[in-house]
Protein backbone atom coordinates (compact mmCIF):
# COMPACT_ATOMS: atom_id res chain seq x y z
CA UNK A 1 153.22 131.68 124.99
CA UNK A 2 150.01 130.89 126.91
CA UNK A 3 148.90 134.56 126.70
CA UNK A 4 149.57 134.63 122.96
CA UNK A 5 147.55 131.44 122.42
CA UNK A 6 144.60 132.77 124.45
CA UNK A 7 144.68 136.02 122.50
CA UNK A 8 144.64 134.07 119.21
CA UNK A 9 141.69 131.93 120.35
CA UNK A 10 139.78 135.03 121.50
CA UNK A 11 140.29 136.77 118.17
CA UNK A 12 139.31 133.63 116.25
CA UNK A 13 136.16 133.22 118.33
CA UNK A 14 135.22 136.85 117.83
CA UNK A 15 135.62 136.39 114.11
CA UNK A 16 133.29 133.38 114.08
CA UNK A 17 130.68 135.04 116.26
CA UNK A 18 130.62 138.12 114.08
CA UNK A 19 130.06 136.06 110.94
CA UNK A 20 126.55 136.71 109.58
CA UNK A 21 126.19 132.99 108.83
CA UNK A 22 126.29 132.12 112.53
CA UNK A 23 124.50 135.06 114.13
CA UNK A 24 121.71 133.96 116.45
CA UNK A 25 118.40 135.47 115.34
CA UNK A 26 116.08 136.98 117.92
CA UNK A 27 112.72 135.40 118.51
CA UNK A 28 111.21 132.98 116.05
CA UNK A 29 110.16 129.38 116.64
CA UNK A 30 112.11 127.61 113.87
CA UNK A 31 108.91 126.17 112.39
CA UNK A 32 110.39 126.24 108.88
CA UNK A 33 113.88 125.23 109.94
CA UNK A 34 116.69 126.81 107.90
CA UNK A 35 114.25 127.97 105.20
CA UNK A 36 111.76 130.68 104.38
CA UNK A 37 108.61 129.41 102.71
CA UNK A 38 107.74 130.96 99.35
CA UNK A 39 104.14 131.98 99.95
CA UNK A 40 101.70 131.53 97.09
CA UNK A 41 103.84 128.83 95.47
CA UNK A 42 102.59 127.33 93.30
CA UNK A 43 99.71 129.57 92.22
CA UNK A 44 96.37 128.00 91.23
CA UNK A 45 96.82 125.46 88.45
CA UNK A 46 96.27 127.41 85.25
CA UNK A 47 95.45 124.27 83.28
CA UNK A 48 92.75 123.15 85.72
CA UNK A 49 89.08 122.97 84.81
CA UNK A 50 87.20 125.98 86.27
CA UNK A 51 86.07 125.23 89.80
CA UNK A 52 88.79 122.61 90.37
CA UNK A 53 92.16 122.69 92.14
CA UNK A 54 95.28 120.57 92.56
CA UNK A 55 94.57 117.12 93.99
CA UNK A 56 96.62 115.00 96.34
CA UNK A 57 100.26 115.53 95.39
CA UNK A 58 102.24 112.31 95.35
CA UNK A 59 105.62 113.33 93.98
CA UNK A 60 107.90 116.23 93.12
CA UNK A 61 111.31 116.47 91.48
CA UNK A 62 113.40 119.56 90.70
CA UNK A 63 115.42 119.04 87.55
CA UNK A 64 116.63 122.66 87.67
CA UNK A 65 115.59 125.76 89.63
CA UNK A 66 113.28 126.57 86.72
CA UNK A 67 111.91 123.11 85.83
CA UNK A 68 110.09 121.19 88.55
CA UNK A 69 107.98 118.08 87.92
CA UNK A 70 104.85 117.49 90.02
CA UNK A 71 102.93 114.19 90.13
CA UNK A 72 99.40 115.46 90.68
CA UNK A 73 96.72 112.87 91.45
CA UNK A 74 94.06 114.58 89.37
CA UNK A 75 91.87 117.57 90.20
CA UNK A 76 89.38 118.07 93.03
CA UNK A 77 86.09 119.93 92.64
CA UNK A 78 85.69 122.86 95.00
CA UNK A 79 82.49 123.35 96.99
CA UNK A 80 80.20 126.12 95.78
CA UNK A 81 80.94 128.19 98.88
CA UNK A 82 84.51 128.39 100.14
CA UNK A 83 84.95 128.56 103.92
CA UNK A 84 87.09 131.19 105.67
CA UNK A 85 90.74 130.24 105.79
CA UNK A 86 90.80 128.48 102.43
CA UNK A 87 94.39 128.69 101.16
CA UNK A 88 93.90 127.28 97.67
CA UNK A 89 94.65 123.68 98.62
CA UNK A 90 92.35 120.90 99.80
CA UNK A 91 94.03 120.33 103.14
CA UNK A 92 92.92 123.74 104.38
CA UNK A 93 89.37 122.31 104.55
CA UNK A 94 90.62 120.04 107.33
CA UNK A 95 90.07 116.94 105.18
CA UNK A 96 92.78 114.77 103.67
CA UNK A 97 93.17 115.38 99.94
CA UNK A 98 93.15 111.60 99.45
CA UNK A 99 89.53 111.36 100.69
CA UNK A 100 87.50 112.80 97.77
CA UNK A 101 87.59 111.08 94.39
CA UNK A 102 89.50 113.18 91.85
CA UNK A 103 88.94 113.71 88.17
CA UNK A 104 92.10 112.52 86.48
CA UNK A 105 93.37 115.54 84.56
CA UNK A 106 96.79 117.21 84.54
CA UNK A 107 98.42 114.27 86.30
CA UNK A 108 101.98 115.28 85.35
CA UNK A 109 102.66 119.02 85.49
CA UNK A 110 105.91 120.95 85.01
CA UNK A 111 106.25 124.32 86.73
CA UNK A 112 108.93 126.99 86.56
CA UNK A 113 110.71 128.61 89.50
CA UNK A 114 107.76 130.92 90.14
CA UNK A 115 105.40 127.92 90.31
CA UNK A 116 103.68 128.75 87.03
CA UNK A 117 102.60 125.64 85.14
CA UNK A 118 104.51 125.60 81.85
CA UNK A 119 103.70 122.05 80.72
CA UNK A 120 100.97 119.52 81.39
CA UNK A 121 101.47 116.04 79.97
CA UNK A 122 97.78 115.54 79.33
CA UNK A 123 98.59 113.06 76.55
CA UNK A 124 99.47 110.61 79.35
CA UNK A 125 96.56 111.30 81.71
CA UNK A 126 94.92 108.08 80.57
CA UNK A 127 97.85 106.07 81.95
CA UNK A 128 97.21 107.42 85.45
CA UNK A 129 93.40 107.49 85.33
CA UNK A 130 91.98 105.62 88.32
CA UNK A 131 95.53 105.18 89.60
CA UNK A 132 97.93 107.60 91.22
CA UNK A 133 101.40 108.96 90.62
CA UNK A 134 103.35 107.81 93.65
CA UNK A 135 106.74 109.36 92.90
CA UNK A 136 108.55 111.19 90.07
CA UNK A 137 112.31 110.89 89.57
CA UNK A 138 115.27 111.42 87.26
CA UNK A 139 118.30 109.13 87.31
CA UNK A 140 121.19 111.42 88.40
CA UNK A 141 123.60 109.57 86.07
CA UNK A 142 121.41 109.87 82.96
CA UNK A 143 122.58 112.52 80.46
CA UNK A 144 119.16 112.60 78.80
CA UNK A 145 117.29 113.25 82.07
CA UNK A 146 114.55 110.75 81.36
CA UNK A 147 111.57 111.12 83.68
CA UNK A 148 110.36 108.10 85.66
CA UNK A 149 106.88 107.91 87.21
CA UNK A 150 105.80 105.20 89.65
CA UNK A 151 102.07 104.38 89.73
CA UNK A 152 101.51 102.09 92.69
CA UNK A 153 97.81 101.44 92.06
CA UNK A 154 98.30 100.21 88.49
CA UNK A 155 101.45 98.28 89.60
CA UNK A 156 103.53 100.00 86.92
CA UNK A 157 106.60 102.17 86.36
CA UNK A 158 106.90 104.44 83.32
CA UNK A 159 110.02 105.96 81.74
CA UNK A 160 109.46 109.03 79.52
CA UNK A 161 111.63 111.30 77.45
CA UNK A 162 112.38 114.53 79.29
CA UNK A 163 109.92 116.49 77.17
CA UNK A 164 107.17 113.94 77.75
CA UNK A 165 106.66 113.22 74.07
CA UNK A 166 107.51 109.54 74.24
CA UNK A 167 106.96 106.67 76.65
CA UNK A 168 110.14 104.60 76.38
CA UNK A 169 109.66 101.82 78.91
CA UNK A 170 106.90 100.28 81.00
CA UNK A 171 107.64 97.88 83.85
CA UNK A 172 104.87 95.84 85.44
CA UNK A 173 101.54 94.60 84.07
CA UNK A 174 98.68 97.05 84.38
CA UNK A 175 96.24 96.16 87.18
CA UNK A 176 97.77 92.69 87.55
CA UNK A 177 99.58 92.35 90.87
CA UNK A 178 102.28 89.73 91.36
CA UNK A 179 105.72 89.12 92.86
CA UNK A 180 107.63 87.55 89.99
CA UNK A 181 110.09 89.01 87.47
CA UNK A 182 107.48 90.95 85.49
CA UNK A 183 104.92 91.99 88.12
CA UNK A 184 104.81 94.35 91.08
CA UNK A 185 102.27 94.80 93.84
CA UNK A 186 102.11 98.53 94.41
CA UNK A 187 105.72 99.67 93.81
CA UNK A 188 106.75 102.91 95.49
CA UNK A 189 110.20 104.32 94.58
CA UNK A 190 113.40 103.90 92.49
CA UNK A 191 117.15 104.40 93.10
CA UNK A 192 120.06 104.06 90.65
CA UNK A 193 123.67 102.98 90.60
CA UNK A 194 126.17 104.89 88.41
CA UNK A 195 126.11 102.07 85.81
CA UNK A 196 122.35 102.57 85.32
CA UNK A 197 121.24 99.46 87.21
CA UNK A 198 118.36 100.36 89.51
CA UNK A 199 116.34 99.19 92.48
CA UNK A 200 112.58 99.38 93.06
CA UNK A 201 110.95 99.30 96.49
CA UNK A 202 107.88 97.06 96.09
CA UNK A 203 105.85 98.18 98.02
CA UNK A 204 102.45 98.38 99.73
CA UNK A 205 101.44 94.85 98.70
CA UNK A 206 104.76 93.10 98.18
CA UNK A 207 107.53 93.28 100.76
CA UNK A 208 110.67 93.24 98.69
CA UNK A 209 113.33 95.15 96.77
CA UNK A 210 113.74 94.36 93.06
CA UNK A 211 116.96 94.98 91.13
CA UNK A 212 117.02 95.60 87.35
CA UNK A 213 119.76 96.31 84.84
CA UNK A 214 119.81 99.63 83.00
CA UNK A 215 117.54 98.22 80.28
CA UNK A 216 114.88 97.05 82.70
CA UNK A 217 115.94 93.38 82.77
CA UNK A 218 115.18 91.65 86.06
CA UNK A 219 118.32 90.72 88.00
CA UNK A 220 117.32 89.73 91.53
CA UNK A 221 115.03 90.40 94.46
CA UNK A 222 115.14 90.14 98.24
CA UNK A 223 112.81 90.61 101.19
CA UNK A 224 109.93 88.85 102.92
CA UNK A 225 107.15 90.00 105.23
CA UNK A 226 108.05 90.42 108.88
CA UNK A 227 110.05 92.42 111.38
CA UNK A 228 113.45 90.72 111.25
CA UNK A 229 116.53 91.64 109.21
CA UNK A 230 115.75 91.74 105.45
CA UNK A 231 112.04 91.62 106.22
CA UNK A 232 109.67 94.48 105.47
CA UNK A 233 106.26 95.92 106.13
CA UNK A 234 105.73 98.54 103.41
CA UNK A 235 109.09 99.29 101.77
CA UNK A 236 108.10 102.81 100.81
CA UNK A 237 111.25 104.60 99.61
CA UNK A 238 114.79 103.75 98.56
CA UNK A 239 118.10 105.58 98.10
CA UNK A 240 121.79 104.75 97.53
CA UNK A 241 124.99 106.29 98.91
CA UNK A 242 128.33 106.81 97.19
CA UNK A 243 129.60 103.44 98.46
CA UNK A 244 126.68 101.67 96.73
CA UNK A 245 124.87 100.86 99.95
CA UNK A 246 121.11 100.62 99.53
CA UNK A 247 118.86 102.26 102.15
CA UNK A 248 115.23 101.12 102.31
CA UNK A 249 112.43 102.86 104.16
CA UNK A 250 110.68 100.05 106.06
CA UNK A 251 107.75 102.33 106.77
CA UNK A 252 105.31 100.34 108.86
CA UNK A 253 108.19 98.80 110.83
CA UNK A 254 109.35 102.35 111.71
CA UNK A 255 112.90 101.86 110.58
CA UNK A 256 115.38 102.11 107.73
CA UNK A 257 117.35 99.05 106.66
CA UNK A 258 120.72 99.11 104.90
CA UNK A 259 122.00 96.53 102.37
CA UNK A 260 124.80 96.10 99.91
CA UNK A 261 123.91 96.19 96.23
CA UNK A 262 123.36 92.42 96.19
CA UNK A 263 120.84 92.45 99.02
CA UNK A 264 123.16 91.49 101.89
CA UNK A 265 121.84 92.91 105.14
CA UNK A 266 124.22 95.42 106.73
CA UNK A 267 122.41 97.54 109.32
CA UNK A 268 119.13 99.01 110.54
CA UNK A 269 118.20 102.38 112.02
CA UNK A 270 115.22 101.79 114.35
CA UNK A 271 112.65 104.09 115.95
CA UNK A 272 112.09 106.36 112.94
CA UNK A 273 108.36 106.97 112.79
CA UNK A 274 107.05 105.94 109.37
CA UNK A 275 109.80 107.23 107.08
CA UNK A 276 107.76 108.32 104.05
CA UNK A 277 110.61 109.47 101.82
CA UNK A 278 114.38 109.04 102.12
CA UNK A 279 117.22 110.58 100.11
CA UNK A 280 121.03 110.63 100.32
CA UNK A 281 122.35 114.18 99.93
CA UNK A 282 125.31 115.27 97.81
CA UNK A 283 127.42 115.55 101.00
CA UNK A 284 126.45 111.99 102.00
CA UNK A 285 123.90 112.36 104.74
CA UNK A 286 120.58 110.56 104.98
CA UNK A 287 117.53 112.84 104.91
CA UNK A 288 114.15 111.47 105.92
CA UNK A 289 110.61 112.78 106.10
CA UNK A 290 108.59 111.24 108.93
CA UNK A 291 104.87 111.18 108.16
CA UNK A 292 103.41 111.06 111.68
CA UNK A 293 105.90 113.63 112.98
CA UNK A 294 105.65 115.89 109.90
CA UNK A 295 109.37 116.53 110.25
CA UNK A 296 112.49 116.51 108.11
CA UNK A 297 115.20 114.45 109.81
CA UNK A 298 118.93 114.41 109.06
CA UNK A 299 121.07 111.37 109.94
CA UNK A 300 124.66 110.42 109.36
CA UNK A 301 125.19 107.18 107.46
CA UNK A 302 125.54 105.26 110.71
CA UNK A 303 122.00 106.22 111.69
CA UNK A 304 122.72 108.98 114.22
CA UNK A 305 120.14 111.80 114.28
CA UNK A 306 121.82 115.15 113.64
CA UNK A 307 119.01 117.64 113.06
CA UNK A 308 115.25 117.85 112.73
CA UNK A 309 112.68 120.47 111.81
CA UNK A 310 109.06 120.71 110.70
CA UNK A 311 105.63 121.45 112.14
CA UNK A 312 102.23 119.94 111.35
CA UNK A 313 99.63 122.21 109.79
CA UNK A 314 98.10 123.54 106.61
CA UNK A 315 99.25 127.15 106.69
CA UNK A 316 102.21 128.01 104.42
CA UNK A 317 105.46 126.50 105.66
CA UNK A 318 103.83 123.77 107.73
CA UNK A 319 103.42 120.14 106.63
CA UNK A 320 100.69 117.55 106.28
CA UNK A 321 102.24 114.27 105.09
CA UNK A 322 105.09 115.11 102.73
CA UNK A 323 105.24 112.13 100.39
CA UNK A 324 108.31 113.15 98.37
CA UNK A 325 110.81 115.97 98.65
CA UNK A 326 113.43 117.32 96.28
CA UNK A 327 115.84 120.23 95.98
CA UNK A 328 117.50 122.14 93.16
CA UNK A 329 121.10 123.19 92.66
CA UNK A 330 120.42 126.53 94.39
CA UNK A 331 119.34 124.77 97.57
CA UNK A 332 115.61 125.46 97.22
CA UNK A 333 113.58 122.68 98.83
CA UNK A 334 110.35 121.34 97.29
CA UNK A 335 107.79 119.18 99.07
CA UNK A 336 104.71 117.26 97.89
CA UNK A 337 101.92 116.60 100.40
CA UNK A 338 99.46 113.76 99.89
CA UNK A 339 97.11 114.83 102.68
CA UNK A 340 97.61 118.57 102.40
CA UNK A 341 97.04 118.36 98.66
CA UNK A 342 99.78 120.80 97.78
CA UNK A 343 103.42 121.28 96.93
CA UNK A 344 105.57 123.93 98.60
CA UNK A 345 108.84 125.71 97.91
CA UNK A 346 111.32 126.79 100.57
CA UNK A 347 114.35 129.08 100.07
CA UNK A 348 117.41 128.77 102.34
CA UNK A 349 117.16 131.57 104.90
CA UNK A 350 120.02 134.10 104.84
CA UNK A 351 122.37 133.23 107.67
CA UNK A 352 121.04 129.68 108.08
CA UNK A 353 123.52 126.99 109.03
CA UNK A 354 124.44 125.33 105.69
CA UNK A 355 124.66 121.97 107.46
CA UNK A 356 120.89 122.18 107.98
CA UNK A 357 120.10 122.65 104.27
CA UNK A 358 119.38 119.56 102.18
CA UNK A 359 121.54 119.48 99.04
CA UNK A 360 120.51 116.81 96.51
CA UNK A 361 122.76 114.61 94.50
CA UNK A 362 123.43 116.70 91.40
CA UNK A 363 122.28 115.53 87.99
CA UNK A 364 124.97 115.15 85.36
CA UNK A 365 124.72 117.81 82.62
CA UNK A 366 121.90 117.28 80.20
CA UNK A 367 122.85 116.13 76.70
CA UNK A 368 120.87 116.15 73.48
CA UNK A 369 118.33 113.29 73.23
CA UNK A 370 119.30 110.31 71.11
CA UNK A 371 115.95 110.36 69.28
CA UNK A 372 114.72 113.26 67.16
CA UNK A 373 111.48 115.05 67.90
CA UNK A 374 110.21 114.00 64.49
CA UNK A 375 110.79 110.35 65.29
CA UNK A 376 109.11 110.73 68.66
CA UNK A 377 106.05 112.43 67.23
CA UNK A 378 105.55 109.57 64.80
CA UNK A 379 105.25 106.96 67.53
CA UNK A 380 101.82 105.79 68.69
CA UNK A 381 100.90 105.91 72.41
CA UNK A 382 100.23 102.47 73.90
CA UNK A 383 96.69 101.19 74.21
CA UNK A 384 95.18 100.13 77.51
CA UNK A 385 92.76 97.68 75.92
CA UNK A 386 93.13 94.24 77.47
CA UNK A 387 92.59 91.20 75.23
CA UNK A 388 89.35 89.61 76.32
CA UNK A 389 90.82 86.13 76.11
CA UNK A 390 88.72 83.02 76.05
CA UNK A 391 87.54 80.80 78.85
CA UNK A 392 85.12 77.92 79.09
CA UNK A 393 84.69 77.68 82.86
CA UNK A 394 81.19 78.34 84.16
CA UNK A 395 81.44 80.05 87.55
CA UNK A 396 77.71 80.79 87.78
CA UNK A 397 75.77 79.76 90.87
CA UNK A 398 75.39 80.44 94.57
CA UNK A 399 78.58 79.89 96.53
CA UNK A 400 79.25 79.53 100.25
CA UNK A 401 82.58 80.43 101.85
CA UNK A 402 84.44 77.44 103.26
CA UNK A 403 87.93 78.76 104.01
CA UNK A 404 89.84 82.05 103.91
CA UNK A 405 93.57 82.63 104.32
CA UNK A 406 94.67 84.77 106.04
CA UNK A 407 91.65 85.14 108.32
CA UNK A 408 89.89 88.47 108.52
CA UNK A 409 90.64 90.37 111.73
CA UNK A 410 89.52 93.74 113.01
CA UNK A 411 91.28 96.86 111.80
CA UNK A 412 92.56 98.24 108.53
CA UNK A 413 95.76 97.56 106.64
CA UNK A 414 98.41 94.90 106.99
CA UNK A 415 98.17 91.25 106.13
CA UNK A 416 95.15 90.51 108.29
CA UNK A 417 93.54 93.93 108.58
CA UNK A 418 90.34 95.09 106.99
CA UNK A 419 91.94 96.98 104.09
CA UNK A 420 88.82 98.82 102.91
CA UNK A 421 87.01 101.21 105.20
CA UNK A 422 84.11 103.61 104.98
CA UNK A 423 80.89 103.06 103.02
CA UNK A 424 82.39 100.44 100.70
CA UNK A 425 83.59 98.00 103.37
CA UNK A 426 80.51 95.78 103.27
CA UNK A 427 79.75 96.00 99.56
CA UNK A 428 81.60 94.42 96.64
CA UNK A 429 84.79 95.30 98.57
CA UNK A 430 83.97 92.95 101.45
CA UNK A 431 87.16 91.25 102.63
CA UNK A 432 85.82 87.69 102.59
CA UNK A 433 82.13 87.47 101.62
CA UNK A 434 80.30 84.64 103.39
CA UNK A 435 78.22 84.01 100.28
CA UNK A 436 78.24 85.20 96.68
CA UNK A 437 75.87 84.78 93.77
CA UNK A 438 77.39 84.74 90.28
CA UNK A 439 75.36 85.04 87.09
CA UNK A 440 77.29 84.24 83.93
CA UNK A 441 76.33 84.60 80.27
CA UNK A 442 78.36 84.36 77.09
CA UNK A 443 79.33 88.02 77.28
CA UNK A 444 79.03 89.06 80.91
CA UNK A 445 79.41 88.12 84.56
CA UNK A 446 77.56 89.61 87.54
CA UNK A 447 78.71 89.06 91.12
CA UNK A 448 76.27 89.79 93.95
CA UNK A 449 77.58 90.27 97.49
CA UNK A 450 74.78 91.03 99.93
CA UNK A 451 72.70 93.79 98.36
CA UNK A 452 75.52 95.03 96.10
CA UNK A 453 76.12 93.78 92.57
CA UNK A 454 79.04 94.35 90.20
CA UNK A 455 78.46 93.60 86.51
CA UNK A 456 81.31 92.91 84.10
CA UNK A 457 81.45 92.60 80.32
CA UNK A 458 83.84 89.89 79.14
CA UNK A 459 85.52 92.04 76.49
CA UNK A 460 88.36 93.59 78.50
CA UNK A 461 86.72 97.03 78.43
CA UNK A 462 85.86 99.24 81.40
CA UNK A 463 82.24 100.05 82.21
CA UNK A 464 81.02 102.67 84.70
CA UNK A 465 77.79 102.56 86.71
CA UNK A 466 76.33 105.16 86.73
CA UNK A 467 78.03 106.62 83.68
CA UNK A 468 79.70 110.00 84.22
CA UNK A 469 79.68 109.83 88.03
CA UNK A 470 83.10 110.46 89.59
CA UNK A 471 82.22 107.85 92.24
CA UNK A 472 80.86 105.33 89.76
CA UNK A 473 81.56 101.63 90.19
CA UNK A 474 84.03 100.79 87.41
CA UNK A 475 84.44 97.19 86.31
CA UNK A 476 86.53 95.30 83.77
CA UNK A 477 86.96 91.55 83.14
CA UNK A 478 89.06 89.24 81.00
CA UNK A 479 90.03 85.59 80.81
CA UNK A 480 93.59 84.47 81.40
CA UNK A 481 93.51 80.86 80.32
CA UNK A 482 91.19 79.07 82.73
CA UNK A 483 91.20 81.97 85.21
CA UNK A 484 88.72 84.82 85.15
CA UNK A 485 90.04 88.23 86.24
CA UNK A 486 87.54 90.73 87.63
CA UNK A 487 88.73 94.30 88.29
CA UNK A 488 86.60 96.81 90.21
CA UNK A 489 87.10 100.34 91.48
CA UNK A 490 84.90 102.80 93.35
CA UNK A 491 85.85 106.01 95.09
CA UNK A 492 89.46 105.62 96.21
CA UNK A 493 89.19 101.82 96.56
CA UNK A 494 90.45 99.21 94.12
CA UNK A 495 89.98 95.45 93.87
CA UNK A 496 90.83 92.42 91.76
CA UNK A 497 89.37 88.92 91.96
CA UNK A 498 90.98 85.97 90.18
CA UNK A 499 88.49 83.10 89.91
CA UNK A 500 89.32 79.49 89.12
CA UNK A 501 87.44 76.18 89.35
CA UNK A 502 88.96 72.97 90.63
CA UNK A 503 86.51 70.12 90.69
CA UNK A 504 83.45 71.51 92.40
CA UNK A 505 85.32 74.19 94.38
CA UNK A 506 85.62 77.85 93.42
CA UNK A 507 88.81 79.62 94.47
CA UNK A 508 88.94 83.41 94.53
CA UNK A 509 92.19 85.30 95.14
CA UNK A 510 91.04 88.76 96.22
CA UNK A 511 93.34 91.81 96.20
CA UNK A 512 91.98 94.97 97.81
CA UNK A 513 93.76 98.32 97.79
CA UNK A 514 92.88 101.55 99.55
CA UNK A 515 95.39 104.33 100.13
CA UNK A 516 98.18 102.85 102.23
CA UNK A 517 96.36 99.55 102.84
CA UNK A 518 96.84 96.46 100.69
CA UNK A 519 95.45 92.99 101.37
CA UNK A 520 95.43 89.65 99.56
CA UNK A 521 93.24 86.73 100.57
CA UNK A 522 92.61 83.32 99.10
CA UNK A 523 89.03 82.14 99.57
CA UNK A 524 87.53 78.74 98.80
CA UNK A 525 83.80 78.34 98.10
CA UNK A 526 81.48 75.38 97.68
CA UNK A 527 78.45 75.52 95.43
CA UNK A 528 75.04 75.42 97.08
CA UNK A 529 72.86 75.93 94.01
């Protein structure tokens, strides 16, 4: 009996070892894991202006193997002379694609399986101008496959018809940060329950998760700033398993937290370096992309690491800050790199262990839309004009800083960090100016900080100085009751001041945004002249 059993085991083992799926390949360094990279994917953007290429790529979603959505943060102008080693994408220059200021064209592009651009939703470019598409998604339970785009800079989420002809829903108030039922502060990602209710991770500025019903009605929120259970520092991505548990990427705390659908804390998976993007696979594993490691990580739902692959670099198949990943029903993997400024496609390698291949939650079959194309074409796109409002407060004068909360400390990012770096740090983007001079007329306001001045017209319209310059200082102002809102943007830096007078004191709530950094400070000034 023992001899028979050993013979059976030997035959069974020989059968497994001879299986092509489990043959050990010779050589190689596993730099692309269980995949082969599809070189030259995607090709140069056919819709791009001559002399320009894809910009920083914030999001990617594969609806089918032949329909892939890419959230492209505008186009970048190439230098007149291209250096050796240029691969068609900005990261091959050795500079992050988030550094130069883009021109906001072709912000939402649809490509086929070969990478050829087949659609560009240029009719919506104005929504993302001076902002950035942070992620692109489709609710897996939605038969109409509506397309959702998160724009963290404008604090908004958009829901479109699948063909891009109609904007159906907007959540958040454009350029107005907040943490109530109708405002976000730099939201990042979305995840859905089967009944259509959904969760938003919010985000770079806020430190919370927000739950909505399927119609976008606010239901609840949870989360505060910190390092304890149910506290966050940059909730950057969110996903849900089959048992309705909610997983939140707590990026700057280097962990993933787990909750029930009502926000009850369940668990945490620590020591995961900056989880940029997280997704639950069809076979119920947690897949994570770590930004600093430039690796794909696979965990079971108890947080145990099962597999990892990925190598930093800008040559095909390597990674530089994958911000969102997706896969199609054939197992092809798609990645979007914010620093590399590219998207990539990977095919499962013949003979690769199937347990190492990410398989997404499948979309339910697509049904006919409930609205006709004729009806959609008749609808008018929304306007971005902001009512100028009316205000009687006179904030003109020279003002001296008396108090700032939280205090300014060295360094960038976080609640007390510097937020804005580079050449703009000591200009109108100063964290807490020691003195400001405001000149106010019936139709305009000018704020001088040191040697820099920002001028605003009080009509809710955007002005650029100098006009036509991609790095122009852009300003916009409007009254909201007794409060004056001043919005300003230059390069890849954004700011908002909310001014109010109480007695003889001027209070300014200053929000500054730059890439992954977000700061809010409340400053109190006294008038000196």
